[in-house]
Amino acid sequence: MDAVNAVQSAKAQEVCQNVMMATQAYTLKSVTQLQEKMMAQLFESMGIGQNLNIKA
């Protein structure tokens, strides 16, 4: 029975880790998009960067 519990526990930890990784990836993507928008607004407010690729 201990082996079954160990397998179930390992599977639960794997699922938890996958959820955490997905959450971190989503958060990182959101932060990156926000930073790009903020940089674009900053450059626009200074009158530069109309044709500037901010991702570069």
N, C-alpha and C. Protein backbone atom coordinates (compact mmCIF):
# COMPACT_ATOMS: atom_id res chain seq x y z
N MET A 1 0.81 -1.19 0.00
CA MET A 1 0.00 0.00 0.00
C MET A 1 0.86 1.26 0.00
N ASP A 2 2.02 1.18 0.63
CA ASP A 2 2.91 2.34 0.65
C ASP A 2 3.36 2.72 -0.75
N ALA A 3 3.58 1.72 -1.60
CA ALA A 3 4.00 1.99 -2.97
C ALA A 3 2.92 2.74 -3.73
N VAL A 4 1.68 2.36 -3.53
CA VAL A 4 0.56 3.04 -4.19
C VAL A 4 0.47 4.49 -3.71
N ASN A 5 0.60 4.69 -2.42
CA ASN A 5 0.57 6.05 -1.87
C ASN A 5 1.73 6.88 -2.39
N ALA A 6 2.88 6.28 -2.54
CA ALA A 6 4.05 7.00 -3.05
C ALA A 6 3.83 7.42 -4.50
N VAL A 7 3.25 6.53 -5.31
CA VAL A 7 2.98 6.86 -6.71
C VAL A 7 1.94 7.97 -6.80
N GLN A 8 0.89 7.88 -6.01
CA GLN A 8 -0.14 8.92 -6.01
C GLN A 8 0.43 10.26 -5.55
N SER A 9 1.28 10.23 -4.57
CA SER A 9 1.90 11.45 -4.07
C SER A 9 2.81 12.07 -5.13
N ALA A 10 3.57 11.23 -5.80
CA ALA A 10 4.46 11.72 -6.86
C ALA A 10 3.66 12.34 -7.99
N LYS A 11 2.55 11.71 -8.35
CA LYS A 11 1.69 12.23 -9.42
C LYS A 11 1.08 13.57 -9.01
N ALA A 12 0.65 13.67 -7.76
CA ALA A 12 0.09 14.92 -7.27
C ALA A 12 1.13 16.04 -7.28
N GLN A 13 2.35 15.72 -6.91
CA GLN A 13 3.43 16.71 -6.94
C GLN A 13 3.73 17.15 -8.37
N GLU A 14 3.67 16.21 -9.30
CA GLU A 14 3.92 16.53 -10.71
C GLU A 14 2.84 17.48 -11.23
N VAL A 15 1.59 17.20 -10.91
CA VAL A 15 0.49 18.07 -11.33
C VAL A 15 0.65 19.46 -10.72
N CYS A 16 0.98 19.51 -9.46
CA CYS A 16 1.19 20.79 -8.77
C CYS A 16 2.32 21.58 -9.42
N GLN A 17 3.40 20.90 -9.74
CA GLN A 17 4.54 21.57 -10.37
C GLN A 17 4.16 22.08 -11.76
N ASN A 18 3.38 21.30 -12.50
CA ASN A 18 2.95 21.75 -13.83
C ASN A 18 2.07 22.99 -13.75
N VAL A 19 1.19 23.03 -12.75
CA VAL A 19 0.34 24.20 -12.56
C VAL A 19 1.19 25.41 -12.20
N MET A 20 2.15 25.22 -11.32
CA MET A 20 3.03 26.33 -10.93
C MET A 20 3.83 26.85 -12.12
N MET A 21 4.34 25.95 -12.95
CA MET A 21 5.11 26.37 -14.12
C MET A 21 4.24 27.13 -15.12
N ALA A 22 3.02 26.66 -15.32
CA ALA A 22 2.10 27.35 -16.23
C ALA A 22 1.76 28.74 -15.71
N THR A 23 1.56 28.85 -14.41
CA THR A 23 1.27 30.15 -13.80
C THR A 23 2.44 31.10 -13.94
N GLN A 24 3.64 30.60 -13.72
CA GLN A 24 4.84 31.44 -13.86
C GLN A 24 5.03 31.89 -15.30
N ALA A 25 4.80 31.00 -16.25
CA ALA A 25 4.95 31.35 -17.66
C ALA A 25 3.93 32.42 -18.05
N TYR A 26 2.69 32.27 -17.60
CA TYR A 26 1.65 33.24 -17.90
C TYR A 26 1.99 34.60 -17.29
N THR A 27 2.45 34.59 -16.05
CA THR A 27 2.81 35.84 -15.37
C THR A 27 3.97 36.53 -16.07
N LEU A 28 4.98 35.76 -16.45
CA LEU A 28 6.12 36.34 -17.15
C LEU A 28 5.70 36.96 -18.47
N LYS A 29 4.84 36.28 -19.21
CA LYS A 29 4.36 36.81 -20.48
C LYS A 29 3.59 38.10 -20.26
N SER A 30 2.74 38.14 -19.24
CA SER A 30 1.96 39.34 -18.94
C SER A 30 2.86 40.50 -18.55
N VAL A 31 3.85 40.24 -17.73
CA VAL A 31 4.78 41.28 -17.30
C VAL A 31 5.57 41.81 -18.50
N THR A 32 5.99 40.92 -19.37
CA THR A 32 6.74 41.32 -20.56
C THR A 32 5.89 42.22 -21.45
N GLN A 33 4.64 41.84 -21.66
CA GLN A 33 3.74 42.67 -22.47
C GLN A 33 3.52 44.03 -21.83
N LEU A 34 3.36 44.06 -20.52
CA LEU A 34 3.17 45.32 -19.81
C LEU A 34 4.40 46.21 -19.95
N GLN A 35 5.59 45.63 -19.83
CA GLN A 35 6.82 46.41 -19.97
C GLN A 35 6.95 46.97 -21.38
N GLU A 36 6.57 46.18 -22.38
CA GLU A 36 6.64 46.67 -23.76
C GLU A 36 5.71 47.86 -23.96
N LYS A 37 4.49 47.78 -23.41
CA LYS A 37 3.54 48.88 -23.53
C LYS A 37 4.04 50.12 -22.81
N MET A 38 4.62 49.93 -21.63
CA MET A 38 5.13 51.07 -20.86
C MET A 38 6.30 51.73 -21.58
N MET A 39 7.18 50.93 -22.16
CA MET A 39 8.30 51.51 -22.91
C MET A 39 7.80 52.27 -24.13
N ALA A 40 6.81 51.71 -24.81
CA ALA A 40 6.25 52.40 -25.98
C ALA A 40 5.63 53.73 -25.57
N GLN A 41 4.92 53.75 -24.45
CA GLN A 41 4.33 55.00 -23.97
C GLN A 41 5.40 56.01 -23.58
N LEU A 42 6.46 55.53 -22.95
CA LEU A 42 7.55 56.42 -22.56
C LEU A 42 8.20 57.05 -23.79
N PHE A 43 8.54 56.22 -24.77
CA PHE A 43 9.17 56.74 -25.98
C PHE A 43 8.24 57.68 -26.73
N GLU A 44 6.95 57.34 -26.76
CA GLU A 44 5.98 58.20 -27.44
C GLU A 44 5.86 59.55 -26.73
N SER A 45 5.90 59.53 -25.42
CA SER A 45 5.79 60.78 -24.67
C SER A 45 7.00 61.68 -24.89
N MET A 46 8.13 61.08 -25.22
CA MET A 46 9.34 61.85 -25.50
C MET A 46 9.46 62.19 -26.97
N GLY A 47 8.50 61.72 -27.78
CA GLY A 47 8.51 62.05 -29.20
C GLY A 47 9.48 61.23 -30.01
N ILE A 48 9.90 60.10 -29.49
CA ILE A 48 10.80 59.24 -30.25
C ILE A 48 10.20 57.84 -30.35
N GLY A 49 10.68 57.10 -31.31
CA GLY A 49 10.34 55.69 -31.37
C GLY A 49 9.06 55.36 -32.10
N GLN A 50 8.57 56.24 -32.99
CA GLN A 50 7.36 55.90 -33.71
C GLN A 50 7.55 54.65 -34.57
N ASN A 51 8.73 54.49 -35.12
CA ASN A 51 9.02 53.33 -35.95
C ASN A 51 10.04 52.41 -35.29
N LEU A 52 10.13 52.48 -33.99
CA LEU A 52 11.11 51.71 -33.25
C LEU A 52 10.52 50.38 -32.82
N ASN A 53 11.28 49.31 -33.03
CA ASN A 53 10.85 47.98 -32.58
C ASN A 53 11.30 47.83 -31.13
N ILE A 54 10.35 47.86 -30.22
CA ILE A 54 10.68 47.84 -28.79
C ILE A 54 11.20 46.49 -28.36
N LYS A 55 10.81 45.43 -29.04
CA LYS A 55 11.25 44.08 -28.66
C LYS A 55 12.72 43.86 -28.95
N ALA A 56 13.29 44.64 -29.82
CA ALA A 56 14.69 44.43 -30.23
C ALA A 56 15.66 44.77 -29.17
